[in-house]
PDB file of N, CA and C in Angstrom:
ATOM      1  N   UNK A   1       2.825 -48.474  70.347  1.00  0.00           N
ATOM      2  CA  UNK A   1       3.229 -49.931  70.161  1.00  0.00           C
ATOM      3  C   UNK A   1       4.715 -50.124  70.788  1.00  0.00           C
ATOM      4  N   UNK A   2       4.776 -51.369  71.301  1.00  0.00           N
ATOM      5  CA  UNK A   2       6.108 -51.574  71.678  1.00  0.00           C
ATOM      6  C   UNK A   2       7.091 -52.373  70.658  1.00  0.00           C
ATOM      7  N   UNK A   3       8.141 -52.259  70.871  1.00  0.00           N
ATOM      8  CA  UNK A   3       9.157 -53.127  69.893  1.00  0.00           C
ATOM      9  C   UNK A   3       9.588 -54.237  70.729  1.00  0.00           C
ATOM     10  N   UNK A   4       9.128 -54.562  71.906  1.00  0.00           N
ATOM     11  CA  UNK A   4       9.377 -55.672  72.586  1.00  0.00           C
ATOM     12  C   UNK A   4       8.348 -56.749  72.602  1.00  0.00           C
ATOM     13  N   UNK A   5       8.739 -57.733  71.818  1.00  0.00           N
ATOM     14  CA  UNK A   5       7.670 -59.004  71.503  1.00  0.00           C
ATOM     15  C   UNK A   5       7.762 -59.701  72.497  1.00  0.00           C
ATOM     16  N   UNK A   6       8.291 -59.534  73.931  1.00  0.00           N
ATOM     17  CA  UNK A   6       8.209 -60.546  75.083  1.00  0.00           C
ATOM     18  C   UNK A   6       6.946 -60.259  75.744  1.00  0.00           C
ATOM     19  N   UNK A   7       6.169 -59.234  75.525  1.00  0.00           N
ATOM     20  CA  UNK A   7       4.663 -58.967  76.132  1.00  0.00           C
ATOM     21  C   UNK A   7       3.850 -60.021  75.872  1.00  0.00           C
ATOM     22  N   UNK A   8       3.865 -60.573  74.620  1.00  0.00           N
ATOM     23  CA  UNK A   8       2.843 -61.435  74.206  1.00  0.00           C
ATOM     24  C   UNK A   8       1.565 -61.214  73.776  1.00  0.00           C
ATOM     25  N   UNK A   9       1.240 -59.672  74.043  1.00  0.00           N
ATOM     26  CA  UNK A   9      -0.027 -59.028  73.703  1.00  0.00           C
ATOM     27  C   UNK A   9      -0.455 -58.819  72.461  1.00  0.00           C
ATOM     28  N   UNK A  10      -1.460 -59.328  72.044  1.00  0.00           N
ATOM     29  CA  UNK A  10      -1.757 -58.885  70.670  1.00  0.00           C
ATOM     30  C   UNK A  10      -2.170 -57.438  70.279  1.00  0.00           C
ATOM     31  N   UNK A  11      -2.372 -56.939  71.418  1.00  0.00           N
ATOM     32  CA  UNK A  11      -2.786 -55.368  71.394  1.00  0.00           C
ATOM     33  C   UNK A  11      -1.435 -54.457  71.092  1.00  0.00           C
ATOM     34  N   UNK A  12      -0.397 -55.202  71.316  1.00  0.00           N
ATOM     35  CA  UNK A  12       1.034 -54.510  71.243  1.00  0.00           C
ATOM     36  C   UNK A  12       1.571 -54.913  69.653  1.00  0.00           C
ATOM     37  N   UNK A  13       0.915 -55.420  68.796  1.00  0.00           N
ATOM     38  CA  UNK A  13       1.482 -55.803  67.470  1.00  0.00           C
ATOM     39  C   UNK A  13       0.564 -54.828  66.246  1.00  0.00           C
ATOM     40  N   UNK A  14       0.892 -54.944  65.376  1.00  0.00           N
ATOM     41  CA  UNK A  14       0.504 -54.275  64.069  1.00  0.00           C
ATOM     42  C   UNK A  14      -0.428 -55.327  63.395  1.00  0.00           C
ATOM     43  N   UNK A  15      -1.851 -55.066  63.166  1.00  0.00           N
ATOM     44  CA  UNK A  15      -2.722 -55.955  62.231  1.00  0.00           C
ATOM     45  C   UNK A  15      -2.001 -56.184  60.997  1.00  0.00           C
ATOM     46  N   UNK A  16      -1.724 -57.326  60.763  1.00  0.00           N
ATOM     47  CA  UNK A  16      -1.040 -57.589  59.416  1.00  0.00           C
ATOM     48  C   UNK A  16      -1.769 -57.703  58.177  1.00  0.00           C
ATOM     49  N   UNK A  17      -3.077 -57.813  58.611  1.00  0.00           N
ATOM     50  CA  UNK A  17      -4.061 -57.836  57.623  1.00  0.00           C
ATOM     51  C   UNK A  17      -4.387 -56.494  56.926  1.00  0.00           C
ATOM     52  N   UNK A  18      -4.132 -55.471  58.073  1.00  0.00           N
ATOM     53  CA  UNK A  18      -4.499 -54.216  57.742  1.00  0.00           C
ATOM     54  C   UNK A  18      -3.318 -53.417  57.040  1.00  0.00           C
ATOM     55  N   UNK A  19      -2.091 -54.230  57.484  1.00  0.00           N
ATOM     56  CA  UNK A  19      -0.900 -53.712  56.904  1.00  0.00           C
ATOM     57  C   UNK A  19      -0.723 -54.151  55.531  1.00  0.00           C
ATOM     58  N   UNK A  20      -1.109 -55.276  55.235  1.00  0.00           N
ATOM     59  CA  UNK A  20      -1.113 -55.881  53.816  1.00  0.00           C
ATOM     60  C   UNK A  20      -2.104 -54.823  52.847  1.00  0.00           C
ATOM     61  N   UNK A  21      -3.340 -54.605  53.443  1.00  0.00           N
ATOM     62  CA  UNK A  21      -4.300 -53.909  52.691  1.00  0.00           C
ATOM     63  C   UNK A  21      -3.813 -52.484  52.394  1.00  0.00           C
ATOM     64  N   UNK A  22      -2.944 -51.879  53.399  1.00  0.00           N
ATOM     65  CA  UNK A  22      -2.351 -50.682  53.268  1.00  0.00           C
ATOM     66  C   UNK A  22      -1.346 -50.618  52.236  1.00  0.00           C
ATOM     67  N   UNK A  23      -0.674 -51.783  52.136  1.00  0.00           N
ATOM     68  CA  UNK A  23       0.597 -51.842  51.191  1.00  0.00           C
ATOM     69  C   UNK A  23      -0.326 -51.926  49.790  1.00  0.00           C
ATOM     70  N   UNK A  24      -1.117 -52.729  49.631  1.00  0.00           N
ATOM     71  CA  UNK A  24      -1.852 -52.950  48.363  1.00  0.00           C
ATOM     72  C   UNK A  24      -2.612 -51.996  47.772  1.00  0.00           C
ATOM     73  N   UNK A  25      -2.978 -51.053  48.639  1.00  0.00           N
ATOM     74  CA  UNK A  25      -3.768 -49.672  48.387  1.00  0.00           C
ATOM     75  C   UNK A  25      -2.873 -48.983  47.594  1.00  0.00           C
ATOM     76  N   UNK A  26      -1.589 -48.782  48.231  1.00  0.00           N
ATOM     77  CA  UNK A  26      -0.567 -47.832  47.558  1.00  0.00           C
ATOM     78  C   UNK A  26      -0.227 -48.502  46.330  1.00  0.00           C
ATOM     79  N   UNK A  27      -0.070 -49.897  46.352  1.00  0.00           N
ATOM     80  CA  UNK A  27       0.652 -50.542  45.215  1.00  0.00           C
ATOM     81  C   UNK A  27      -0.485 -50.458  44.073  1.00  0.00           C
ATOM     82  N   UNK A  28      -1.729 -50.572  44.240  1.00  0.00           N
ATOM     83  CA  UNK A  28      -2.849 -50.527  43.107  1.00  0.00           C
ATOM     84  C   UNK A  28      -3.235 -49.091  42.744  1.00  0.00           C
ATOM     85  N   UNK A  29      -2.398 -47.972  43.454  1.00  0.00           N
ATOM     86  CA  UNK A  29      -2.723 -46.455  43.169  1.00  0.00           C
ATOM     87  C   UNK A  29      -2.109 -45.809  41.954  1.00  0.00           C
ATOM     88  N   UNK A  30      -1.750 -44.579  42.275  1.00  0.00           N
ATOM     89  CA  UNK A  30      -1.058 -44.118  40.939  1.00  0.00           C
ATOM     90  C   UNK A  30       0.157 -44.596  40.870  1.00  0.00           C
ATOM     91  N   UNK A  31       0.707 -44.961  39.471  1.00  0.00           N
ATOM     92  CA  UNK A  31       1.693 -45.490  39.134  1.00  0.00           C
ATOM     93  C   UNK A  31       3.062 -44.445  39.174  1.00  0.00           C
ATOM     94  N   UNK A  32       4.173 -44.950  39.728  1.00  0.00           N
ATOM     95  CA  UNK A  32       5.268 -44.239  40.023  1.00  0.00           C
ATOM     96  C   UNK A  32       6.361 -45.017  39.182  1.00  0.00           C
ATOM     97  N   UNK A  33       7.558 -44.035  38.761  1.00  0.00           N
ATOM     98  CA  UNK A  33       8.495 -44.644  38.020  1.00  0.00           C
ATOM     99  C   UNK A  33       9.758 -45.326  38.973  1.00  0.00           C
ATOM    100  N   UNK A  34       9.973 -44.890  40.009  1.00  0.00           N
ATOM    101  CA  UNK A  34      10.775 -45.229  40.867  1.00  0.00           C
ATOM    102  C   UNK A  34      10.458 -46.239  42.144  1.00  0.00           C
ATOM    103  N   UNK A  35      11.094 -47.267  42.460  1.00  0.00           N
ATOM    104  CA  UNK A  35      10.865 -48.120  43.527  1.00  0.00           C
ATOM    105  C   UNK A  35      11.119 -47.403  44.983  1.00  0.00           C
ATOM    106  N   UNK A  36      11.931 -46.431  44.880  1.00  0.00           N
ATOM    107  CA  UNK A  36      12.322 -45.462  45.924  1.00  0.00           C
ATOM    108  C   UNK A  36      11.023 -44.573  46.380  1.00  0.00           C
ATOM    109  N   UNK A  37      10.235 -44.303  45.223  1.00  0.00           N
ATOM    110  CA  UNK A  37       8.964 -43.603  45.463  1.00  0.00           C
ATOM    111  C   UNK A  37       7.905 -44.370  45.987  1.00  0.00           C
ATOM    112  N   UNK A  38       7.962 -45.701  45.467  1.00  0.00           N
ATOM    113  CA  UNK A  38       6.761 -46.718  45.857  1.00  0.00           C
ATOM    114  C   UNK A  38       7.063 -46.828  47.301  1.00  0.00           C
ATOM    115  N   UNK A  39       8.261 -47.038  47.798  1.00  0.00           N
ATOM    116  CA  UNK A  39       8.629 -47.574  49.299  1.00  0.00           C
ATOM    117  C   UNK A  39       8.225 -46.290  50.096  1.00  0.00           C
ATOM    118  N   UNK A  40       8.568 -44.872  49.617  1.00  0.00           N
ATOM    119  CA  UNK A  40       8.298 -43.732  50.332  1.00  0.00           C
ATOM    120  C   UNK A  40       6.837 -43.587  50.514  1.00  0.00           C
ATOM    121  N   UNK A  41       5.724 -43.881  49.443  1.00  0.00           N
ATOM    122  CA  UNK A  41       4.498 -43.630  49.654  1.00  0.00           C
ATOM    123  C   UNK A  41       3.839 -44.807  50.767  1.00  0.00           C
ATOM    124  N   UNK A  42       4.457 -45.845  50.468  1.00  0.00           N
ATOM    125  CA  UNK A  42       4.129 -47.075  51.390  1.00  0.00           C
ATOM    126  C   UNK A  42       4.341 -46.678  52.913  1.00  0.00           C
ATOM    127  N   UNK A  43       5.396 -45.998  53.139  1.00  0.00           N
ATOM    128  CA  UNK A  43       5.711 -45.725  54.436  1.00  0.00           C
ATOM    129  C   UNK A  43       4.886 -44.555  55.055  1.00  0.00           C
ATOM    130  N   UNK A  44       4.524 -43.637  54.184  1.00  0.00           N
ATOM    131  CA  UNK A  44       3.818 -42.376  54.364  1.00  0.00           C
ATOM    132  C   UNK A  44       2.560 -42.839  54.864  1.00  0.00           C
ATOM    133  N   UNK A  45       1.916 -43.997  54.104  1.00  0.00           N
ATOM    134  CA  UNK A  45       0.661 -44.646  54.455  1.00  0.00           C
ATOM    135  C   UNK A  45       0.606 -45.340  55.899  1.00  0.00           C
ATOM    136  N   UNK A  46       1.826 -45.954  55.911  1.00  0.00           N
ATOM    137  CA  UNK A  46       1.826 -46.824  57.334  1.00  0.00           C
ATOM    138  C   UNK A  46       1.861 -45.798  58.415  1.00  0.00           C
ATOM    139  N   UNK A  47       2.632 -44.993  58.504  1.00  0.00           N
ATOM    140  CA  UNK A  47       2.617 -44.094  59.500  1.00  0.00           C
ATOM    141  C   UNK A  47       1.327 -43.340  59.659  1.00  0.00           C
ATOM    142  N   UNK A  48       0.906 -42.990  58.648  1.00  0.00           N
ATOM    143  CA  UNK A  48      -0.638 -42.326  58.669  1.00  0.00           C
ATOM    144  C   UNK A  48      -1.705 -43.101  59.446  1.00  0.00           C
ATOM    145  N   UNK A  49      -1.495 -44.307  59.090  1.00  0.00           N
ATOM    146  CA  UNK A  49      -2.720 -45.553  59.465  1.00  0.00           C
ATOM    147  C   UNK A  49      -2.239 -46.017  60.930  1.00  0.00           C
ATOM    148  N   UNK A  50      -0.960 -46.365  61.180  1.00  0.00           N
ATOM    149  CA  UNK A  50      -0.622 -47.233  62.473  1.00  0.00           C
ATOM    150  C   UNK A  50      -0.060 -46.550  63.423  1.00  0.00           C
ATOM    151  N   UNK A  51       0.060 -46.817  64.732  1.00  0.00           N
ATOM    152  CA  UNK A  51       0.370 -46.067  65.822  1.00  0.00           C
ATOM    153  C   UNK A  51       1.881 -46.753  65.930  1.00  0.00           C
ATOM    154  N   UNK A  52       2.761 -46.740  64.915  1.00  0.00           N
ATOM    155  CA  UNK A  52       4.256 -47.024  65.083  1.00  0.00           C
ATOM    156  C   UNK A  52       5.071 -46.082  65.094  1.00  0.00           C
ATOM    157  N   UNK A  53       6.272 -46.229  65.830  1.00  0.00           N
ATOM    158  CA  UNK A  53       7.517 -45.420  65.782  1.00  0.00           C
ATOM    159  C   UNK A  53       8.505 -45.547  64.725  1.00  0.00           C
ATOM    160  N   UNK A  54       8.738 -46.674  64.478  1.00  0.00           N
ATOM    161  CA  UNK A  54       9.667 -47.006  63.585  1.00  0.00           C
ATOM    162  C   UNK A  54       9.087 -48.088  62.405  1.00  0.00           C
ATOM    163  N   UNK A  55       9.745 -47.934  61.151  1.00  0.00           N
ATOM    164  CA  UNK A  55       9.216 -48.646  60.307  1.00  0.00           C
ATOM    165  C   UNK A  55      10.232 -48.953  58.845  1.00  0.00           C
ATOM    166  N   UNK A  56      10.315 -50.173  58.515  1.00  0.00           N
ATOM    167  CA  UNK A  56      11.403 -50.297  57.600  1.00  0.00           C
ATOM    168  C   UNK A  56      10.593 -51.127  56.407  1.00  0.00           C
ATOM    169  N   UNK A  57      11.226 -50.959  55.039  1.00  0.00           N
ATOM    170  CA  UNK A  57      10.398 -51.587  54.028  1.00  0.00           C
ATOM    171  C   UNK A  57      11.548 -51.960  52.936  1.00  0.00           C
ATOM    172  N   UNK A  58      11.293 -52.878  52.336  1.00  0.00           N
ATOM    173  CA  UNK A  58      12.212 -53.316  51.345  1.00  0.00           C
ATOM    174  C   UNK A  58      11.234 -53.486  50.191  1.00  0.00           C
ATOM    175  N   UNK A  59      11.468 -52.833  48.839  1.00  0.00           N
ATOM    176  CA  UNK A  59      10.999 -52.955  47.610  1.00  0.00           C
ATOM    177  C   UNK A  59      11.708 -53.407  46.730  1.00  0.00           C
ATOM    178  N   UNK A  60      11.503 -54.837  45.737  1.00  0.00           N
ATOM    179  CA  UNK A  60      12.449 -55.009  44.787  1.00  0.00           C
ATOM    180  C   UNK A  60      11.887 -55.432  43.630  1.00  0.00           C
ATOM    181  N   UNK A  61      12.422 -55.394  42.614  1.00  0.00           N
ATOM    182  CA  UNK A  61      11.929 -55.965  41.384  1.00  0.00           C
ATOM    183  C   UNK A  61      12.819 -56.542  40.453  1.00  0.00           C
ATOM    184  N   UNK A  62      12.409 -57.557  39.544  1.00  0.00           N
ATOM    185  CA  UNK A  62      13.295 -58.107  38.627  1.00  0.00           C
ATOM    186  C   UNK A  62      14.202 -57.291  37.961  1.00  0.00           C
ATOM    187  N   UNK A  63      15.278 -57.541  37.821  1.00  0.00           N
ATOM    188  CA  UNK A  63      16.239 -56.607  37.153  1.00  0.00           C
ATOM    189  C   UNK A  63      16.569 -57.093  35.683  1.00  0.00           C
ATOM    190  N   UNK A  64      15.709 -56.431  34.906  1.00  0.00           N
ATOM    191  CA  UNK A  64      15.676 -56.534  33.251  1.00  0.00           C
ATOM    192  C   UNK A  64      16.704 -55.719  32.545  1.00  0.00           C
ATOM    193  N   UNK A  65      17.485 -56.155  32.066  1.00  0.00           N
ATOM    194  CA  UNK A  65      18.649 -55.324  31.322  1.00  0.00           C
ATOM    195  C   UNK A  65      19.612 -54.790  32.240  1.00  0.00           C
ATOM    196  N   UNK A  66      19.721 -55.079  33.443  1.00  0.00           N
ATOM    197  CA  UNK A  66      20.718 -54.555  34.489  1.00  0.00           C
ATOM    198  C   UNK A  66      22.271 -54.986  34.112  1.00  0.00           C
ATOM    199  N   UNK A  67      23.274 -54.190  34.111  1.00  0.00           N
ATOM    200  CA  UNK A  67      24.553 -54.913  33.854  1.00  0.00           C
ATOM    201  C   UNK A  67      24.917 -55.909  35.077  1.00  0.00           C
ATOM    202  N   UNK A  68      25.534 -56.791  34.693  1.00  0.00           N
ATOM    203  CA  UNK A  68      25.862 -57.746  35.507  1.00  0.00           C
ATOM    204  C   UNK A  68      24.851 -59.003  35.893  1.00  0.00           C
ATOM    205  N   UNK A  69      23.771 -58.641  35.398  1.00  0.00           N
ATOM    206  CA  UNK A  69      22.590 -59.724  35.278  1.00  0.00           C
ATOM    207  C   UNK A  69      22.013 -60.078  36.559  1.00  0.00           C
ATOM    208  N   UNK A  70      22.011 -59.280  37.413  1.00  0.00           N
ATOM    209  CA  UNK A  70      21.315 -59.750  38.772  1.00  0.00           C
ATOM    210  C   UNK A  70      19.712 -60.098  38.673  1.00  0.00           C
ATOM    211  N   UNK A  71      19.343 -61.034  39.430  1.00  0.00           N
ATOM    212  CA  UNK A  71      17.849 -61.228  39.642  1.00  0.00           C
ATOM    213  C   UNK A  71      17.057 -60.006  39.721  1.00  0.00           C
ATOM    214  N   UNK A  72      17.240 -59.492  40.556  1.00  0.00           N
ATOM    215  CA  UNK A  72      16.428 -58.254  41.172  1.00  0.00           C
ATOM    216  C   UNK A  72      17.505 -57.043  41.718  1.00  0.00           C
ATOM    217  N   UNK A  73      16.703 -56.054  41.653  1.00  0.00           N
ATOM    218  CA  UNK A  73      17.248 -54.582  42.364  1.00  0.00           C
ATOM    219  C   UNK A  73      16.319 -54.364  43.374  1.00  0.00           C
ATOM    220  N   UNK A  74      16.614 -53.490  44.318  1.00  0.00           N
ATOM    221  CA  UNK A  74      15.838 -53.054  45.390  1.00  0.00           C
ATOM    222  C   UNK A  74      16.248 -52.064  45.997  1.00  0.00           C
ATOM    223  N   UNK A  75      15.318 -51.337  46.900  1.00  0.00           N
ATOM    224  CA  UNK A  75      15.626 -50.487  48.007  1.00  0.00           C
ATOM    225  C   UNK A  75      15.117 -50.900  49.509  1.00  0.00           C
ATOM    226  N   UNK A  76      15.820 -50.570  50.327  1.00  0.00           N
ATOM    227  CA  UNK A  76      15.562 -50.513  51.633  1.00  0.00           C
ATOM    228  C   UNK A  76      15.350 -49.131  52.205  1.00  0.00           C
ATOM    229  N   UNK A  77      14.397 -49.020  52.920  1.00  0.00           N
ATOM    230  CA  UNK A  77      14.250 -47.538  53.551  1.00  0.00           C
ATOM    231  C   UNK A  77      13.593 -47.783  55.093  1.00  0.00           C
ATOM    232  N   UNK A  78      14.222 -47.074  55.880  1.00  0.00           N
ATOM    233  CA  UNK A  78      13.990 -46.957  57.271  1.00  0.00           C
ATOM    234  C   UNK A  78      13.529 -45.610  57.808  1.00  0.00           C
ATOM    235  N   UNK A  79      12.680 -45.487  58.604  1.00  0.00           N
ATOM    236  CA  UNK A  79      12.102 -44.234  58.956  1.00  0.00           C
ATOM    237  C   UNK A  79      11.530 -44.259  60.507  1.00  0.00           C
ATOM    238  N   UNK A  80      11.810 -43.207  61.294  1.00  0.00           N
ATOM    239  CA  UNK A  80      11.460 -43.370  62.597  1.00  0.00           C
ATOM    240  C   UNK A  80      10.532 -42.004  62.757  1.00  0.00           C
ATOM    241  N   UNK A  81       9.631 -41.694  63.704  1.00  0.00           N
ATOM    242  CA  UNK A  81       9.027 -40.759  64.218  1.00  0.00           C
ATOM    243  C   UNK A  81       8.761 -40.567  65.469  1.00  0.00           C
ATOM    244  N   UNK A  82       8.706 -39.470  66.105  1.00  0.00           N
ATOM    245  CA  UNK A  82       8.237 -39.425  67.399  1.00  0.00           C
ATOM    246  C   UNK A  82       7.056 -38.970  67.882  1.00  0.00           C
TER     247      UNK A  82
END
């Protein structure tokens, strides 16, 4: 796949329905303690299922009991493969 959106070709994009299903499969799977682990599992599944070279994911959750009282906390992971 290309990272150049100027082609306008649907075949050069990720199927967003498939991507959503992939993310939901991981989210409904085995429970994990850390959002970093969840994000890593999602990226693993995305690279296994889709022909992408680069991906980034942001996972966040409500921040209950965190000093400073933020609304949410999160992690953003970037990964590339050749």
